[in-house]
Amino acid sequence: MTDHLFRFGAVAGHAPDAGAWTRLARRAEDLGYTTLLVPDTLGTLSPFAACAAAAAVTTTLSVGTYVLSIANRTPRAVAWEATTLQTLTGGRFELGLGAGRPDAERDATELGVRFGTPSERIERLAQTIDAVKDVPILVAASGTRLLRLAAAKADTVALGVPPHATEAQVAAKLDELYELAGDRFHDLELGMNLAAAGAEPPAWLGSLDATATGVLQGTPDEMADILRRRRDRLGVSYVSVNAQCLDAFAPVVERLAGT
């Protein structure tokens, strides 16, 4: 069980122009999403600039990174950007950090920065959190070392599990986080990302077991019931979804946000 209320994020990183991006931000706000989350890849919009543009045309929507690849910027540079956005958005910025997705090393190479070893990146992530003040911190974590860091320093832990992960596999990760976090565990907000919701899974996901947690299907009531059960069993209260599913998932957001 968790005392955390449901909140929902939309993950987006593409737009053909400023008008399309700001319309997406307003639409997410109108539909009741809590956050608009921007990934950190060279194939998507620059996350800090995109967050600033989205925040400028909304009033209640929070914006955040999902998640910064820690190798791409120094801790001080991240703190500078994060503090600026937190100030200019009136406290509506959330900083999501990660040690680097599988193909993040290619981006680092193109940017001319050293990617580093897993241990070096985790240490840099810790240094970045310590450099940032008064900004909510989300850490994407899966392995033991990142879970330990997230348990000690994060406000929100986004479980870095693939879409085909079962509830049993997610529960095993959370059991590990529970052991690592100790007394902090019940203060942590737990988050997961949905690759798709409310429609047939995209072909790139391949065949998925019925217990896969990364895709949600059914009527709005059925999907809402699944998320309630997952919160009761797993403690997951922060759910993000691919922005391509923004409208299809909105009835679930309407039923659960803030409850």
C-alpha atoms as a PDB file:
ATOM      1  CA  MET A   1       0.000   0.000   0.000  1.00  0.00           C
ATOM      2  CA  THR A   2       1.007   3.623  -0.534  1.00  0.00           C
ATOM      3  CA  ASP A   3      -0.340   6.977   0.582  1.00  0.00           C
ATOM      4  CA  HIS A   4       0.703   8.602  -2.694  1.00  0.00           C
ATOM      5  CA  LEU A   5      -2.113   9.874  -4.907  1.00  0.00           C
ATOM      6  CA  PHE A   6      -2.246   9.023  -8.584  1.00  0.00           C
ATOM      7  CA  ARG A   7      -0.628  11.424 -11.008  1.00  0.00           C
ATOM      8  CA  PHE A   8       0.051  11.061 -14.702  1.00  0.00           C
ATOM      9  CA  GLY A   9       2.696  12.193 -17.149  1.00  0.00           C
ATOM     10  CA  ALA A  10       2.809  12.365 -20.946  1.00  0.00           C
ATOM     11  CA  VAL A  11       6.168  11.638 -22.591  1.00  0.00           C
ATOM     12  CA  ALA A  12       6.853  13.565 -25.808  1.00  0.00           C
ATOM     13  CA  GLY A  13       9.941  14.682 -27.670  1.00  0.00           C
ATOM     14  CA  HIS A  14       8.848  15.567 -31.195  1.00  0.00           C
ATOM     15  CA  ALA A  15       6.966  18.440 -32.799  1.00  0.00           C
ATOM     16  CA  PRO A  16       7.173  19.915 -36.305  1.00  0.00           C
ATOM     17  CA  ASP A  17       7.065  23.482 -35.002  1.00  0.00           C
ATOM     18  CA  ALA A  18       6.481  25.643 -31.943  1.00  0.00           C
ATOM     19  CA  GLY A  19       2.730  25.774 -32.483  1.00  0.00           C
ATOM     20  CA  ALA A  20       2.376  22.012 -32.449  1.00  0.00           C
ATOM     21  CA  TRP A  21       4.501  21.705 -29.329  1.00  0.00           C
ATOM     22  CA  THR A  22       2.598  24.334 -27.381  1.00  0.00           C
ATOM     23  CA  ARG A  23      -0.744  22.854 -28.469  1.00  0.00           C
ATOM     24  CA  LEU A  24       0.400  19.496 -27.124  1.00  0.00           C
ATOM     25  CA  ALA A  25       1.323  21.076 -23.794  1.00  0.00           C
ATOM     26  CA  ARG A  26      -2.041  22.822 -23.502  1.00  0.00           C
ATOM     27  CA  ARG A  27      -3.861  19.639 -24.485  1.00  0.00           C
ATOM     28  CA  ALA A  28      -2.048  17.631 -21.818  1.00  0.00           C
ATOM     29  CA  GLU A  29      -2.962  20.246 -19.216  1.00  0.00           C
ATOM     30  CA  ASP A  30      -6.603  20.362 -20.322  1.00  0.00           C
ATOM     31  CA  LEU A  31      -6.848  16.562 -20.082  1.00  0.00           C
ATOM     32  CA  GLY A  32      -5.604  16.529 -16.501  1.00  0.00           C
ATOM     33  CA  TYR A  33      -2.076  15.239 -16.947  1.00  0.00           C
ATOM     34  CA  THR A  34       0.280  16.360 -14.203  1.00  0.00           C
ATOM     35  CA  THR A  35       3.479  16.540 -16.223  1.00  0.00           C
ATOM     36  CA  LEU A  36       4.807  16.813 -19.754  1.00  0.00           C
ATOM     37  CA  LEU A  37       8.044  14.850 -19.856  1.00  0.00           C
ATOM     38  CA  VAL A  38      10.782  15.265 -22.458  1.00  0.00           C
ATOM     39  CA  PRO A  39      13.427  12.609 -23.229  1.00  0.00           C
ATOM     40  CA  ASP A  40      17.108  13.433 -23.700  1.00  0.00           C
ATOM     41  CA  THR A  41      18.232  12.182 -27.086  1.00  0.00           C
ATOM     42  CA  LEU A  42      19.769  13.825 -30.135  1.00  0.00           C
ATOM     43  CA  GLY A  43      16.750  12.618 -32.103  1.00  0.00           C
ATOM     44  CA  THR A  44      14.280  14.611 -29.996  1.00  0.00           C
ATOM     45  CA  LEU A  45      13.840  18.206 -28.896  1.00  0.00           C
ATOM     46  CA  SER A  46      16.388  19.643 -26.495  1.00  0.00           C
ATOM     47  CA  PRO A  47      14.739  18.885 -23.140  1.00  0.00           C
ATOM     48  CA  PHE A  48      15.382  22.097 -21.218  1.00  0.00           C
ATOM     49  CA  ALA A  49      14.270  24.337 -24.086  1.00  0.00           C
ATOM     50  CA  ALA A  50      11.212  22.178 -24.749  1.00  0.00           C
ATOM     51  CA  CYS A  51      10.256  22.252 -21.071  1.00  0.00           C
ATOM     52  CA  ALA A  52      10.562  26.037 -20.985  1.00  0.00           C
ATOM     53  CA  ALA A  53       8.364  26.459 -24.061  1.00  0.00           C
ATOM     54  CA  ALA A  54       5.688  24.131 -22.662  1.00  0.00           C
ATOM     55  CA  ALA A  55       5.654  25.826 -19.268  1.00  0.00           C
ATOM     56  CA  ALA A  56       5.326  29.272 -20.857  1.00  0.00           C
ATOM     57  CA  VAL A  57       1.912  28.441 -22.361  1.00  0.00           C
ATOM     58  CA  THR A  58       0.442  26.517 -19.412  1.00  0.00           C
ATOM     59  CA  THR A  59      -0.420  27.371 -15.825  1.00  0.00           C
ATOM     60  CA  THR A  60      -0.779  24.135 -13.839  1.00  0.00           C
ATOM     61  CA  LEU A  61       1.138  21.614 -15.945  1.00  0.00           C
ATOM     62  CA  SER A  62       4.523  20.612 -14.585  1.00  0.00           C
ATOM     63  CA  VAL A  63       7.354  19.891 -17.010  1.00  0.00           C
ATOM     64  CA  GLY A  64      10.273  17.561 -16.621  1.00  0.00           C
ATOM     65  CA  THR A  65      13.094  15.592 -18.182  1.00  0.00           C
ATOM     66  CA  TYR A  66      12.557  11.870 -18.698  1.00  0.00           C
ATOM     67  CA  VAL A  67      15.393  11.392 -18.287  1.00  0.00           C
ATOM     68  CA  LEU A  68      18.635  13.339 -18.715  1.00  0.00           C
ATOM     69  CA  SER A  69      21.553  11.186 -19.798  1.00  0.00           C
ATOM     70  CA  ILE A  70      24.018  12.058 -17.074  1.00  0.00           C
ATOM     71  CA  ALA A  71      27.081  11.920 -19.327  1.00  0.00           C
ATOM     72  CA  ASN A  72      25.927  14.774 -21.545  1.00  0.00           C
ATOM     73  CA  ARG A  73      26.281  17.618 -19.020  1.00  0.00           C
ATOM     74  CA  THR A  74      28.367  18.431 -15.984  1.00  0.00           C
ATOM     75  CA  PRO A  75      26.610  18.431 -12.592  1.00  0.00           C
ATOM     76  CA  ARG A  76      26.981  22.201 -12.350  1.00  0.00           C
ATOM     77  CA  ALA A  77      25.479  22.721 -15.818  1.00  0.00           C
ATOM     78  CA  VAL A  78      22.462  20.599 -14.894  1.00  0.00           C
ATOM     79  CA  ALA A  79      22.024  22.489 -11.620  1.00  0.00           C
ATOM     80  CA  TRP A  80      22.142  25.817 -13.477  1.00  0.00           C
ATOM     81  CA  GLU A  81      19.515  24.754 -16.016  1.00  0.00           C
ATOM     82  CA  ALA A  82      17.287  23.077 -13.435  1.00  0.00           C
ATOM     83  CA  THR A  83      17.347  25.990 -11.002  1.00  0.00           C
ATOM     84  CA  THR A  84      16.588  28.454 -13.794  1.00  0.00           C
ATOM     85  CA  LEU A  85      13.603  26.419 -14.972  1.00  0.00           C
ATOM     86  CA  GLN A  86      12.339  25.914 -11.442  1.00  0.00           C
ATOM     87  CA  THR A  87      12.420  29.689 -10.952  1.00  0.00           C
ATOM     88  CA  LEU A  88      10.863  30.660 -14.282  1.00  0.00           C
ATOM     89  CA  THR A  89       8.105  28.030 -14.077  1.00  0.00           C
ATOM     90  CA  GLY A  90       7.088  28.981 -10.556  1.00  0.00           C
ATOM     91  CA  GLY A  91       8.104  25.595  -9.176  1.00  0.00           C
ATOM     92  CA  ARG A  92       6.693  23.484 -12.023  1.00  0.00           C
ATOM     93  CA  PHE A  93       9.920  21.791 -13.076  1.00  0.00           C
ATOM     94  CA  GLU A  94      10.891  18.221 -12.157  1.00  0.00           C
ATOM     95  CA  LEU A  95      14.358  16.881 -12.920  1.00  0.00           C
ATOM     96  CA  GLY A  96      14.546  13.316 -14.158  1.00  0.00           C
ATOM     97  CA  LEU A  97      18.000  11.731 -14.260  1.00  0.00           C
ATOM     98  CA  GLY A  98      19.418   8.475 -15.557  1.00  0.00           C
ATOM     99  CA  ALA A  99      22.762   6.820 -16.049  1.00  0.00           C
ATOM    100  CA  GLY A 100      22.217   6.407 -19.790  1.00  0.00           C
ATOM    101  CA  ARG A 101      19.905   4.250 -21.891  1.00  0.00           C
ATOM    102  CA  PRO A 102      21.501   1.508 -24.045  1.00  0.00           C
ATOM    103  CA  ASP A 103      22.176   3.787 -27.049  1.00  0.00           C
ATOM    104  CA  ALA A 104      23.108   6.912 -25.065  1.00  0.00           C
ATOM    105  CA  GLU A 105      26.824   6.381 -25.658  1.00  0.00           C
ATOM    106  CA  ARG A 106      26.317   7.236 -29.333  1.00  0.00           C
ATOM    107  CA  ASP A 107      24.819  10.594 -28.370  1.00  0.00           C
ATOM    108  CA  ALA A 108      27.727  11.290 -26.031  1.00  0.00           C
ATOM    109  CA  THR A 109      30.159  10.573 -28.844  1.00  0.00           C
ATOM    110  CA  GLU A 110      28.354  12.991 -31.177  1.00  0.00           C
ATOM    111  CA  LEU A 111      28.378  15.644 -28.459  1.00  0.00           C
ATOM    112  CA  GLY A 112      32.102  15.150 -27.911  1.00  0.00           C
ATOM    113  CA  VAL A 113      31.777  14.128 -24.263  1.00  0.00           C
ATOM    114  CA  ARG A 114      33.064  11.038 -22.494  1.00  0.00           C
ATOM    115  CA  PHE A 115      30.341   8.511 -21.685  1.00  0.00           C
ATOM    116  CA  GLY A 116      32.250   6.844 -18.867  1.00  0.00           C
ATOM    117  CA  THR A 117      31.913   3.476 -17.189  1.00  0.00           C
ATOM    118  CA  PRO A 118      28.705   2.490 -15.373  1.00  0.00           C
ATOM    119  CA  SER A 119      30.374   3.221 -12.026  1.00  0.00           C
ATOM    120  CA  GLU A 120      31.575   6.627 -13.212  1.00  0.00           C
ATOM    121  CA  ARG A 121      28.121   7.548 -14.497  1.00  0.00           C
ATOM    122  CA  ILE A 122      26.426   6.524 -11.268  1.00  0.00           C
ATOM    123  CA  GLU A 123      28.914   8.604  -9.291  1.00  0.00           C
ATOM    124  CA  ARG A 124      28.254  11.536 -11.614  1.00  0.00           C
ATOM    125  CA  LEU A 125      24.530  11.097 -11.132  1.00  0.00           C
ATOM    126  CA  ALA A 126      25.014  11.295  -7.360  1.00  0.00           C
ATOM    127  CA  GLN A 127      27.115  14.440  -7.779  1.00  0.00           C
ATOM    128  CA  THR A 128      24.422  15.985  -9.966  1.00  0.00           C
ATOM    129  CA  ILE A 129      21.692  15.371  -7.398  1.00  0.00           C
ATOM    130  CA  ASP A 130      23.895  16.931  -4.729  1.00  0.00           C
ATOM    131  CA  ALA A 131      24.458  19.995  -6.945  1.00  0.00           C
ATOM    132  CA  VAL A 132      20.751  20.621  -7.500  1.00  0.00           C
ATOM    133  CA  LYS A 133      18.773  22.466  -4.835  1.00  0.00           C
ATOM    134  CA  ASP A 134      14.993  22.707  -4.307  1.00  0.00           C
ATOM    135  CA  VAL A 135      14.022  20.747  -7.420  1.00  0.00           C
ATOM    136  CA  PRO A 136      12.083  17.463  -7.234  1.00  0.00           C
ATOM    137  CA  ILE A 137      14.350  14.630  -8.388  1.00  0.00           C
ATOM    138  CA  LEU A 138      13.272  11.536 -10.312  1.00  0.00           C
ATOM    139  CA  VAL A 139      15.825   8.794 -10.844  1.00  0.00           C
ATOM    140  CA  ALA A 140      15.282   6.050 -13.415  1.00  0.00           C
ATOM    141  CA  ALA A 141      16.685   2.865 -11.925  1.00  0.00           C
ATOM    142  CA  SER A 142      16.776  -0.851 -12.499  1.00  0.00           C
ATOM    143  CA  GLY A 143      20.103  -2.338 -11.356  1.00  0.00           C
ATOM    144  CA  THR A 144      21.120  -2.593  -7.741  1.00  0.00           C
ATOM    145  CA  ARG A 145      23.595   0.304  -7.749  1.00  0.00           C
ATOM    146  CA  LEU A 146      21.093   2.741  -9.256  1.00  0.00           C
ATOM    147  CA  LEU A 147      18.311   1.490  -7.004  1.00  0.00           C
ATOM    148  CA  ARG A 148      20.568   2.109  -4.005  1.00  0.00           C
ATOM    149  CA  LEU A 149      21.288   5.657  -5.167  1.00  0.00           C
ATOM    150  CA  ALA A 150      17.628   6.336  -5.900  1.00  0.00           C
ATOM    151  CA  ALA A 151      16.633   4.933  -2.524  1.00  0.00           C
ATOM    152  CA  ALA A 152      18.963   7.375  -0.797  1.00  0.00           C
ATOM    153  CA  LYS A 153      18.523  10.554  -2.837  1.00  0.00           C
ATOM    154  CA  ALA A 154      15.455  10.561  -5.100  1.00  0.00           C
ATOM    155  CA  ASP A 155      11.946  11.864  -4.546  1.00  0.00           C
ATOM    156  CA  THR A 156      10.546   9.630  -7.283  1.00  0.00           C
ATOM    157  CA  VAL A 157      11.927   6.304  -8.505  1.00  0.00           C
ATOM    158  CA  ALA A 158      10.965   5.421 -12.073  1.00  0.00           C
ATOM    159  CA  LEU A 159      11.447   1.702 -12.488  1.00  0.00           C
ATOM    160  CA  GLY A 160      13.531   1.076 -15.572  1.00  0.00           C
ATOM    161  CA  VAL A 161      11.863  -2.140 -16.685  1.00  0.00           C
ATOM    162  CA  PRO A 162      11.087  -3.153 -20.283  1.00  0.00           C
ATOM    163  CA  PRO A 163       7.458  -3.144 -21.525  1.00  0.00           C
ATOM    164  CA  HIS A 164       7.264  -6.940 -21.355  1.00  0.00           C
ATOM    165  CA  ALA A 165       8.176  -7.059 -17.645  1.00  0.00           C
ATOM    166  CA  THR A 166       5.547  -8.889 -15.623  1.00  0.00           C
ATOM    167  CA  GLU A 167       4.051  -7.732 -12.347  1.00  0.00           C
ATOM    168  CA  ALA A 168       6.049 -10.441 -10.603  1.00  0.00           C
ATOM    169  CA  GLN A 169       9.285  -9.056 -12.051  1.00  0.00           C
ATOM    170  CA  VAL A 170       8.326  -5.518 -11.055  1.00  0.00           C
ATOM    171  CA  ALA A 171       7.479  -6.748  -7.554  1.00  0.00           C
ATOM    172  CA  ALA A 172      10.946  -8.318  -7.275  1.00  0.00           C
ATOM    173  CA  LYS A 173      12.556  -4.965  -8.150  1.00  0.00           C
ATOM    174  CA  LEU A 174      10.432  -3.211  -5.584  1.00  0.00           C
ATOM    175  CA  ASP A 175      11.332  -5.764  -2.925  1.00  0.00           C
ATOM    176  CA  GLU A 176      14.978  -4.926  -3.593  1.00  0.00           C
ATOM    177  CA  LEU A 177      14.230  -1.189  -3.417  1.00  0.00           C
ATOM    178  CA  TYR A 178      12.399  -1.746  -0.134  1.00  0.00           C
ATOM    179  CA  GLU A 179      15.445  -3.413   1.388  1.00  0.00           C
ATOM    180  CA  LEU A 180      17.738  -0.650   0.125  1.00  0.00           C
ATOM    181  CA  ALA A 181      15.539   2.273   1.134  1.00  0.00           C
ATOM    182  CA  GLY A 182      14.670   1.207   4.660  1.00  0.00           C
ATOM    183  CA  ASP A 183      12.710   3.952   6.409  1.00  0.00           C
ATOM    184  CA  ARG A 184      12.688   6.103   3.246  1.00  0.00           C
ATOM    185  CA  PHE A 185      10.716   3.590   1.200  1.00  0.00           C
ATOM    186  CA  HIS A 186       7.247   4.860   2.103  1.00  0.00           C
ATOM    187  CA  ASP A 187       8.280   8.434   1.279  1.00  0.00           C
ATOM    188  CA  LEU A 188       9.355   7.478  -2.230  1.00  0.00           C
ATOM    189  CA  GLU A 189       6.944   8.015  -5.104  1.00  0.00           C
ATOM    190  CA  LEU A 190       7.096   5.004  -7.438  1.00  0.00           C
ATOM    191  CA  GLY A 191       6.650   5.468 -11.165  1.00  0.00           C
ATOM    192  CA  MET A 192       6.363   3.344 -14.286  1.00  0.00           C
ATOM    193  CA  ASN A 193       6.050   4.169 -17.969  1.00  0.00           C
ATOM    194  CA  LEU A 194       3.481   2.771 -20.395  1.00  0.00           C
ATOM    195  CA  ALA A 195       4.661   2.258 -23.965  1.00  0.00           C
ATOM    196  CA  ALA A 196       1.048   2.144 -25.119  1.00  0.00           C
ATOM    197  CA  ALA A 197      -2.419   2.373 -23.619  1.00  0.00           C
ATOM    198  CA  GLY A 198      -5.986   2.086 -24.796  1.00  0.00           C
ATOM    199  CA  ALA A 199      -5.198   0.538 -28.162  1.00  0.00           C
ATOM    200  CA  GLU A 200      -3.479  -2.387 -29.792  1.00  0.00           C
ATOM    201  CA  PRO A 201       0.225  -2.434 -28.871  1.00  0.00           C
ATOM    202  CA  PRO A 202       2.507  -1.105 -31.631  1.00  0.00           C
ATOM    203  CA  ALA A 203       4.123  -3.737 -33.809  1.00  0.00           C
ATOM    204  CA  TRP A 204       7.629  -2.935 -32.549  1.00  0.00           C
ATOM    205  CA  LEU A 205       6.724  -4.319 -29.124  1.00  0.00           C
ATOM    206  CA  GLY A 206       6.163  -7.773 -30.578  1.00  0.00           C
ATOM    207  CA  SER A 207       4.057 -10.329 -28.729  1.00  0.00           C
ATOM    208  CA  LEU A 208       3.424  -9.558 -25.066  1.00  0.00           C
ATOM    209  CA  ASP A 209       2.312 -11.752 -22.210  1.00  0.00           C
ATOM    210  CA  ALA A 210      -1.058 -10.859 -20.699  1.00  0.00           C
ATOM    211  CA  THR A 211       0.746  -9.830 -17.511  1.00  0.00           C
ATOM    212  CA  ALA A 212       3.099  -7.379 -19.248  1.00  0.00           C
ATOM    213  CA  THR A 213       3.100  -4.085 -17.368  1.00  0.00           C
ATOM    214  CA  GLY A 214       4.240  -1.754 -20.155  1.00  0.00           C
ATOM    215  CA  VAL A 215       1.009  -1.870 -22.174  1.00  0.00           C
ATOM    216  CA  LEU A 216      -2.475  -1.200 -20.823  1.00  0.00           C
ATOM    217  CA  GLN A 217      -5.576  -2.287 -22.737  1.00  0.00           C
ATOM    218  CA  GLY A 218      -9.302  -2.435 -22.110  1.00  0.00           C
ATOM    219  CA  THR A 219     -12.075   0.011 -21.401  1.00  0.00           C
ATOM    220  CA  PRO A 220     -11.268   3.088 -19.307  1.00  0.00           C
ATOM    221  CA  ASP A 221     -12.837   1.427 -16.272  1.00  0.00           C
ATOM    222  CA  GLU A 222     -10.854  -1.773 -16.823  1.00  0.00           C
ATOM    223  CA  MET A 223      -7.579   0.127 -17.225  1.00  0.00           C
ATOM    224  CA  ALA A 224      -8.331   2.219 -14.145  1.00  0.00           C
ATOM    225  CA  ASP A 225      -9.015  -0.940 -12.137  1.00  0.00           C
ATOM    226  CA  ILE A 226      -5.676  -2.419 -13.231  1.00  0.00           C
ATOM    227  CA  LEU A 227      -3.814   0.679 -12.098  1.00  0.00           C
ATOM    228  CA  ARG A 228      -5.647   0.740  -8.764  1.00  0.00           C
ATOM    229  CA  ARG A 229      -4.713  -2.883  -8.203  1.00  0.00           C
ATOM    230  CA  ARG A 230      -1.085  -2.197  -9.122  1.00  0.00           C
ATOM    231  CA  ARG A 231      -0.968   0.683  -6.697  1.00  0.00           C
ATOM    232  CA  ASP A 232      -2.411  -1.508  -3.941  1.00  0.00           C
ATOM    233  CA  ARG A 233      -0.030  -4.360  -4.697  1.00  0.00           C
ATOM    234  CA  LEU A 234       3.091  -2.590  -5.926  1.00  0.00           C
ATOM    235  CA  GLY A 235       2.773   0.982  -4.691  1.00  0.00           C
ATOM    236  CA  VAL A 236       3.048   2.507  -8.192  1.00  0.00           C
ATOM    237  CA  SER A 237       1.157   5.813  -8.233  1.00  0.00           C
ATOM    238  CA  TYR A 238       2.951   7.878 -10.916  1.00  0.00           C
ATOM    239  CA  VAL A 239       2.166   6.597 -14.403  1.00  0.00           C
ATOM    240  CA  SER A 240       3.605   8.098 -17.560  1.00  0.00           C
ATOM    241  CA  VAL A 241       2.436   7.272 -21.057  1.00  0.00           C
ATOM    242  CA  ASN A 242       3.630   7.853 -24.590  1.00  0.00           C
ATOM    243  CA  ALA A 243       2.021  11.101 -25.790  1.00  0.00           C
ATOM    244  CA  GLN A 244       0.718   9.276 -28.871  1.00  0.00           C
ATOM    245  CA  CYS A 245      -1.801   7.797 -26.415  1.00  0.00           C
ATOM    246  CA  LEU A 246      -2.626  11.165 -24.847  1.00  0.00           C
ATOM    247  CA  ASP A 247      -6.306  11.189 -25.800  1.00  0.00           C
ATOM    248  CA  ALA A 248      -6.896   7.444 -25.578  1.00  0.00           C
ATOM    249  CA  PHE A 249      -5.594   7.366 -22.000  1.00  0.00           C
ATOM    250  CA  ALA A 250      -7.314  10.595 -20.910  1.00  0.00           C
ATOM    251  CA  PRO A 251     -10.469   8.864 -19.564  1.00  0.00           C
ATOM    252  CA  VAL A 252      -8.249   6.920 -17.155  1.00  0.00           C
ATOM    253  CA  VAL A 253      -6.553  10.127 -16.074  1.00  0.00           C
ATOM    254  CA  GLU A 254      -9.956  11.676 -15.474  1.00  0.00           C
ATOM    255  CA  ARG A 255     -10.995   8.743 -13.266  1.00  0.00           C
ATOM    256  CA  LEU A 256      -7.841   8.467 -11.176  1.00  0.00           C
ATOM    257  CA  ALA A 257      -5.812  11.700 -11.059  1.00  0.00           C
ATOM    258  CA  GLY A 258      -5.549  12.971  -7.510  1.00  0.00           C
ATOM    259  CA  THR A 259      -7.282   9.974  -5.941  1.00  0.00           C
END
